[in-house]
Amino acid sequence: MRRLLSIVVLVLLTQNVFSQDVKYSLEELPFSRFGSYLAMSVEKNETTGQKNLYLREVSGKYAWIRDNIFKIEVFKSGNLLPFDSIVGTPSLLKCYANGFYLDFCFDGLSTIRMIGDVPVIRITKVMDVMNREWVMPVNDKQYRIHGAFDKYALTAIKGKLTKLQGEQFIRETKPGNIPWVQFEIVSTGDGCEVAMQWYIGGWNPHDYPKSFEECEKEVRADFVNFT
């Protein structure tokens, strides 16, 4: 899948239509970074027209497992705010919901950063089909999710992080039941900022010292150098 994304980008570059200023729909092309196994994509409900936003792992190693790993939604006062617009550029994914914004950018190859003035970000983790996942609170700013294959760290840089629903350890489920765990990052007055990192092996404790703007500039520079 990563190779396919690279080919698509190269074709667009060859046709001289893919520049930093171009905007594209995530229903047609995922948002990713060259060399990364992570991608953001949209699935549209054909009945309601609602756009559902997902973070996916696209290495292809686990094609038999659900690859829509995290569903990302915006809420206010307990009510879902559907995305009005989701627009991709080479370095930035811009989402809008009822007047609020939520931007996404890569921080390296294995971390997605998001920032916005949204009241609440709700993140739902769909468990893998092995149903063996640990959901571990590290502190009031971070949870780690250890699955049968991959591991993720969810860190609130700004905002209050809570585990809304879901068991700490899910091992067995009833037939047809999809195990999941849900988190919320609630703005404390200055918006929300989140880092979602995919990793393998042991966790190396660290912060995210680069600002969102610095991450975006780095990706933009890589794109300019690549082109």
Protein backbone atom coordinates (compact mmCIF):
# COMPACT_ATOMS: atom_id res chain seq x y z
CA MET A 1 0.00 0.00 0.00
CA ARG A 2 2.84 2.40 0.83
CA ARG A 3 4.40 1.71 -2.58
CA LEU A 4 1.06 2.40 -4.25
CA LEU A 5 0.76 5.76 -2.48
CA SER A 6 4.27 6.68 -3.62
CA ILE A 7 3.44 5.74 -7.23
CA VAL A 8 0.30 7.88 -7.17
CA VAL A 9 2.26 10.88 -5.89
CA LEU A 10 4.99 10.38 -8.50
CA VAL A 11 2.44 10.21 -11.31
CA LEU A 12 0.87 13.45 -10.17
CA LEU A 13 4.27 15.10 -9.96
CA THR A 14 5.12 13.94 -13.47
CA GLN A 15 1.92 15.52 -14.72
CA ASN A 16 2.97 18.77 -12.97
CA VAL A 17 -0.33 19.07 -11.13
CA PHE A 18 0.77 18.18 -7.59
CA SER A 19 2.32 21.18 -5.85
CA GLN A 20 2.32 22.42 -2.27
CA ASP A 21 -0.70 24.58 -3.11
CA VAL A 22 -2.82 21.77 -4.52
CA LYS A 23 -5.79 20.52 -2.53
CA TYR A 24 -7.28 17.06 -2.86
CA SER A 25 -10.08 14.92 -1.45
CA LEU A 26 -9.28 12.14 1.00
CA GLU A 27 -12.02 10.10 -0.61
CA GLU A 28 -9.70 9.82 -3.62
CA LEU A 29 -6.19 9.95 -2.12
CA PRO A 30 -5.08 9.24 1.48
CA PHE A 31 -3.05 11.77 3.44
CA SER A 32 0.39 10.35 4.21
CA ARG A 33 4.11 11.08 4.10
CA PHE A 34 6.74 9.46 1.91
CA GLY A 35 8.25 6.52 3.82
CA SER A 36 5.47 6.25 6.41
CA TYR A 37 3.19 3.28 7.05
CA LEU A 38 0.50 5.58 8.47
CA ALA A 39 -2.22 7.31 6.45
CA MET A 40 -5.40 9.28 7.05
CA SER A 41 -8.41 8.45 4.91
CA VAL A 42 -12.14 9.05 4.69
CA GLU A 43 -15.02 6.62 4.39
CA LYS A 44 -18.26 8.26 3.32
CA ASN A 45 -21.61 6.91 4.47
CA GLU A 46 -23.55 6.60 1.23
CA THR A 47 -26.87 6.85 3.06
CA THR A 48 -26.23 9.88 5.27
CA GLY A 49 -23.33 11.43 3.37
CA GLN A 50 -21.38 11.72 6.62
CA LYS A 51 -17.59 11.63 6.27
CA ASN A 52 -15.82 9.36 8.76
CA LEU A 53 -12.12 10.06 9.31
CA TYR A 54 -9.68 7.24 10.10
CA LEU A 55 -6.01 6.77 10.87
CA ARG A 56 -4.82 3.61 9.15
CA GLU A 57 -1.76 1.38 9.13
CA VAL A 58 -1.03 0.61 5.47
CA SER A 59 2.05 -1.61 5.47
CA GLY A 60 0.00 -4.49 4.12
CA LYS A 61 1.50 -6.86 6.67
CA TYR A 62 -1.82 -7.44 8.34
CA ALA A 63 -4.18 -7.27 5.37
CA TRP A 64 -6.51 -9.77 7.05
CA ILE A 65 -6.93 -7.40 10.02
CA ARG A 66 -9.05 -4.26 10.05
CA ASP A 67 -6.79 -1.42 8.97
CA ASN A 68 -9.04 1.44 10.10
CA ILE A 69 -7.28 1.57 13.44
CA PHE A 70 -8.46 4.87 14.91
CA LYS A 71 -11.69 6.73 14.16
CA ILE A 72 -11.41 10.45 14.86
CA GLU A 73 -14.46 12.62 15.58
CA VAL A 74 -15.26 16.11 16.91
CA PHE A 75 -17.82 16.68 19.67
CA LYS A 76 -19.36 19.60 21.51
CA SER A 77 -21.53 19.26 24.63
CA GLY A 78 -21.94 15.56 23.94
CA ASN A 79 -23.09 16.06 20.35
CA LEU A 80 -21.21 14.88 17.28
CA LEU A 81 -20.10 17.64 14.92
CA PRO A 82 -19.80 16.02 11.48
CA PHE A 83 -16.94 17.18 9.30
CA ASP A 84 -18.12 19.79 6.78
CA SER A 85 -14.85 19.75 4.88
CA ILE A 86 -11.75 17.53 4.82
CA VAL A 87 -8.98 18.82 2.55
CA GLY A 88 -5.54 17.34 1.99
CA THR A 89 -2.33 19.09 0.91
CA PRO A 90 1.17 17.58 0.65
CA SER A 91 2.10 18.66 4.19
CA LEU A 92 -1.17 19.36 5.99
CA LEU A 93 -4.63 17.82 6.41
CA LYS A 94 -7.27 20.44 7.21
CA CYS A 95 -10.65 19.46 8.67
CA TYR A 96 -13.59 21.69 9.55
CA ALA A 97 -16.67 20.94 11.64
CA ASN A 98 -19.37 23.49 12.44
CA GLY A 99 -16.93 26.41 12.40
CA PHE A 100 -14.15 24.61 14.28
CA TYR A 101 -10.90 23.41 12.73
CA LEU A 102 -8.69 20.37 13.29
CA ASP A 103 -5.36 20.11 11.42
CA PHE A 104 -3.13 17.05 11.02
CA CYS A 105 0.55 16.77 10.16
CA PHE A 106 3.32 14.17 10.37
CA ASP A 107 6.04 14.38 13.02
CA GLY A 108 8.62 12.03 11.54
CA LEU A 109 7.39 8.83 9.92
CA SER A 110 5.54 7.18 12.81
CA THR A 111 3.69 10.02 14.55
CA ILE A 112 0.58 11.95 13.57
CA ARG A 113 0.13 15.32 15.22
CA MET A 114 -3.23 17.09 15.40
CA ILE A 115 -4.13 20.55 16.63
CA GLY A 116 -7.30 22.64 16.59
CA ASP A 117 -9.79 24.85 18.39
CA VAL A 118 -12.34 22.02 18.62
CA PRO A 119 -14.04 21.54 22.02
CA VAL A 120 -13.56 17.75 22.13
CA ILE A 121 -11.66 15.20 20.05
CA ARG A 122 -13.03 11.68 20.38
CA ILE A 123 -10.73 8.85 19.29
CA THR A 124 -12.05 5.30 19.00
CA LYS A 125 -9.53 2.46 18.78
CA VAL A 126 -10.84 -0.63 16.99
CA MET A 127 -9.07 -3.65 18.45
CA ASP A 128 -7.39 -6.21 16.22
CA VAL A 129 -9.12 -9.51 15.52
CA MET A 130 -6.84 -11.36 17.94
CA ASN A 131 -8.70 -9.47 20.71
CA ARG A 132 -5.56 -9.19 22.78
CA GLU A 133 -4.86 -5.58 23.63
CA TRP A 134 -3.63 -3.83 26.73
CA VAL A 135 -4.84 -0.26 27.31
CA MET A 136 -2.42 1.20 29.83
CA PRO A 137 -2.64 4.63 31.48
CA VAL A 138 0.86 6.07 31.83
CA ASN A 139 -0.05 9.41 33.38
CA ASP A 140 -2.78 12.03 33.00
CA LYS A 141 -1.46 12.90 29.53
CA GLN A 142 -0.79 9.51 27.94
CA TYR A 143 -2.26 6.07 27.25
CA ARG A 144 -0.46 3.24 25.50
CA ILE A 145 -2.27 0.55 23.55
CA HIS A 146 -0.41 -2.73 23.09
CA GLY A 147 -1.95 -5.05 20.54
CA ALA A 148 -1.07 -8.49 19.26
CA PHE A 149 1.05 -6.87 16.55
CA ASP A 150 1.47 -3.09 16.82
CA LYS A 151 1.69 -0.61 19.67
CA TYR A 152 0.46 2.96 19.91
CA ALA A 153 0.96 5.87 22.27
CA LEU A 154 -1.77 8.50 22.56
CA THR A 155 -0.50 11.72 24.15
CA ALA A 156 -2.41 14.90 24.95
CA ILE A 157 -0.07 17.86 24.46
CA LYS A 158 -2.92 20.31 25.15
CA GLY A 159 -6.26 19.35 26.66
CA LYS A 160 -7.50 16.82 29.20
CA LEU A 161 -7.19 13.15 28.19
CA THR A 162 -9.64 10.57 29.53
CA LYS A 163 -10.59 7.00 28.63
CA LEU A 164 -14.28 7.33 27.92
CA GLN A 165 -15.27 3.68 27.44
CA GLY A 166 -13.69 0.28 27.00
CA GLU A 167 -12.04 -2.36 29.12
CA GLN A 168 -8.40 -2.16 30.11
CA PHE A 169 -7.74 -5.62 28.71
CA ILE A 170 -9.96 -7.21 26.07
CA ARG A 171 -9.34 -10.86 25.31
CA GLU A 172 -12.62 -12.50 24.38
CA THR A 173 -15.71 -11.09 22.70
CA LYS A 174 -19.03 -12.46 21.60
CA PRO A 175 -19.45 -13.46 17.94
CA GLY A 176 -20.01 -10.39 15.78
CA ASN A 177 -18.91 -7.98 18.50
CA ILE A 178 -16.05 -5.62 17.55
CA PRO A 179 -13.95 -4.76 20.61
CA TRP A 180 -12.97 -1.13 20.99
CA VAL A 181 -11.81 1.49 23.44
CA GLN A 182 -12.62 5.18 23.31
CA PHE A 183 -10.73 8.28 24.43
CA GLU A 184 -11.57 11.97 24.63
CA ILE A 185 -9.30 14.99 24.63
CA VAL A 186 -11.24 17.95 26.03
CA SER A 187 -10.10 21.53 25.50
CA THR A 188 -9.29 23.39 28.69
CA GLY A 189 -9.70 26.76 27.00
CA ASP A 190 -6.88 26.90 24.46
CA GLY A 191 -7.89 24.09 22.11
CA CYS A 192 -6.57 20.57 21.77
CA GLU A 193 -3.24 19.16 20.58
CA VAL A 194 -2.54 15.43 20.33
CA ALA A 195 0.26 13.11 19.24
CA MET A 196 -0.53 9.57 18.08
CA GLN A 197 2.57 7.43 17.66
CA TRP A 198 2.95 3.95 16.20
CA TYR A 199 5.90 1.94 17.51
CA ILE A 200 7.30 -1.58 17.65
CA GLY A 201 9.24 -3.07 20.55
CA GLY A 202 9.85 -1.21 23.78
CA TRP A 203 8.72 2.33 24.43
CA ASN A 204 11.39 5.01 24.67
CA PRO A 205 9.90 7.67 26.97
CA HIS A 206 10.03 11.09 25.35
CA ASP A 207 8.14 14.33 24.85
CA TYR A 208 7.22 15.99 21.56
CA PRO A 209 9.42 19.10 21.66
CA LYS A 210 8.77 20.31 18.10
CA SER A 211 5.79 22.56 17.62
CA PHE A 212 3.05 21.61 15.18
CA GLU A 213 4.21 24.43 12.91
CA GLU A 214 7.80 23.11 12.94
CA CYS A 215 6.55 19.64 11.98
CA GLU A 216 4.56 21.06 9.07
CA LYS A 217 7.53 23.11 7.85
CA GLU A 218 9.73 20.00 7.95
CA VAL A 219 7.30 18.00 5.84
CA ARG A 220 6.88 20.93 3.45
CA ALA A 221 10.66 21.21 3.05
CA ASP A 222 10.95 17.48 2.36
CA PHE A 223 8.28 17.78 -0.29
CA VAL A 224 10.00 20.73 -1.95
CA ASN A 225 13.33 18.89 -1.96
CA PHE A 226 11.66 15.78 -3.33
CA THR A 227 10.09 17.67 -6.20
